[in-house]
Amino acid sequence: MKTPMQLLQEFAPEFAQNQMDEKSLIFEHPKYQAVPAKYKLLIGIASAAIIGSDTCTQMWVKMAKDKGVTSEEITEAIMVARYMKQATVNDTVSNALRLLSPDQ
């Protein structure tokens, strides 16, 4: 089965190339190295997990492991993502909870 990126390359090669160029810019361009690559990979894992993309989460984990990121670091990034996802529910439901307030 083709990956999402392989499908994009097949149907919209210019967009696939653009995405790869952006990845190179973020990870390789000297101007954008204030955040170490390891942290960028951990951010990628957490972001993919939060948005619910299993394929992307696995891809980022594989890239991180290939670059020497430890299982403990990856697990901790996933736990931070889980915490942040939970925390956003509080914001999402705050207006609804206000409707339940006796002051309404």
Protein backbone atom coordinates (compact mmCIF):
# COMPACT_ATOMS: atom_id res chain seq x y z
CA MET A 1 0.00 0.00 0.00
CA LYS A 2 1.34 3.44 -0.93
CA THR A 3 2.09 5.97 1.76
CA PRO A 4 0.31 9.33 1.77
CA MET A 5 3.49 10.98 0.49
CA GLN A 6 3.83 8.46 -2.34
CA LEU A 7 0.26 9.16 -3.35
CA LEU A 8 0.90 12.89 -3.26
CA GLN A 9 4.00 12.39 -5.43
CA GLU A 10 1.92 10.43 -7.91
CA PHE A 11 -0.97 12.86 -8.20
CA ALA A 12 0.62 16.21 -7.35
CA PRO A 13 4.40 15.93 -7.66
CA GLU A 14 4.94 19.67 -7.31
CA PHE A 15 3.20 19.73 -3.94
CA ALA A 16 5.13 16.68 -2.77
CA GLN A 17 8.38 18.38 -3.75
CA ASN A 18 7.27 21.54 -1.96
CA GLN A 19 6.67 19.55 1.22
CA MET A 20 10.10 17.93 1.00
CA ASP A 21 11.69 21.35 0.36
CA GLU A 22 9.99 22.70 3.47
CA LYS A 23 11.26 19.75 5.50
CA SER A 24 14.79 20.45 4.28
CA LEU A 25 14.39 24.12 5.12
CA ILE A 26 13.27 23.34 8.67
CA PHE A 27 15.85 20.65 9.37
CA GLU A 28 18.87 21.66 7.29
CA HIS A 29 18.94 25.41 6.53
CA PRO A 30 21.52 27.17 8.76
CA LYS A 31 19.10 30.03 9.46
CA TYR A 32 16.59 27.69 11.13
CA GLN A 33 18.68 25.81 13.66
CA ALA A 34 17.76 27.62 16.88
CA VAL A 35 15.70 24.57 17.86
CA PRO A 36 17.82 21.41 17.77
CA ALA A 37 16.71 18.69 15.35
CA LYS A 38 15.97 16.33 18.24
CA TYR A 39 13.37 18.75 19.61
CA LYS A 40 11.89 19.28 16.16
CA LEU A 41 11.42 15.53 15.86
CA LEU A 42 9.76 15.36 19.27
CA ILE A 43 7.49 18.26 18.29
CA GLY A 44 6.63 16.35 15.11
CA ILE A 45 5.69 13.26 17.11
CA ALA A 46 3.54 15.25 19.53
CA SER A 47 1.86 17.23 16.76
CA ALA A 48 1.03 14.14 14.72
CA ALA A 49 -0.35 12.42 17.81
CA ILE A 50 -2.50 15.42 18.74
CA ILE A 51 -4.05 15.70 15.28
CA GLY A 52 -4.67 11.96 15.26
CA SER A 53 -2.52 10.79 12.37
CA ASP A 54 -1.26 7.28 13.06
CA THR A 55 0.77 7.20 9.84
CA CYS A 56 2.49 10.51 10.60
CA THR A 57 3.08 9.61 14.24
CA GLN A 58 4.80 6.38 13.17
CA MET A 59 6.85 8.23 10.54
CA TRP A 60 8.06 10.82 13.07
CA VAL A 61 8.87 8.12 15.64
CA LYS A 62 10.92 6.20 13.06
CA MET A 63 12.78 9.37 12.04
CA ALA A 64 13.45 10.22 15.67
CA LYS A 65 14.75 6.75 16.51
CA ASP A 66 16.98 6.86 13.42
CA LYS A 67 18.47 10.11 14.77
CA GLY A 68 19.15 8.66 18.20
CA VAL A 69 16.17 9.97 20.13
CA THR A 70 15.53 7.58 23.00
CA SER A 71 12.36 5.63 23.63
CA GLU A 72 12.00 7.47 26.94
CA GLU A 73 12.15 10.85 25.19
CA ILE A 74 9.62 9.75 22.59
CA THR A 75 7.29 8.36 25.25
CA GLU A 76 7.52 11.60 27.21
CA ALA A 77 6.70 13.63 24.08
CA ILE A 78 3.63 11.44 23.56
CA MET A 79 2.59 11.97 27.18
CA VAL A 80 2.94 15.75 26.76
CA ALA A 81 0.80 15.52 23.61
CA ARG A 82 -1.81 13.53 25.51
CA TYR A 83 -1.85 16.08 28.31
CA MET A 84 -2.18 18.99 25.87
CA LYS A 85 -5.01 17.28 24.00
CA GLN A 86 -6.86 16.77 27.28
CA ALA A 87 -6.24 20.39 28.27
CA THR A 88 -7.75 21.67 25.03
CA VAL A 89 -11.02 19.93 25.89
CA ASN A 90 -11.32 22.27 28.88
CA ASP A 91 -11.17 25.26 26.54
CA THR A 92 -13.48 23.66 23.99
CA VAL A 93 -16.23 23.04 26.52
CA SER A 94 -15.84 26.20 28.61
CA ASN A 95 -18.66 28.08 26.85
CA ALA A 96 -20.92 25.06 27.17
CA LEU A 97 -20.10 24.78 30.88
CA ARG A 98 -20.93 28.47 31.32
CA LEU A 99 -24.44 27.62 30.08
CA LEU A 100 -24.76 25.26 33.05
CA SER A 101 -23.73 27.94 35.51
CA PRO A 102 -26.44 29.08 37.94
CA ASP A 103 -25.60 32.66 36.91
CA GLN A 104 -27.04 32.03 33.42
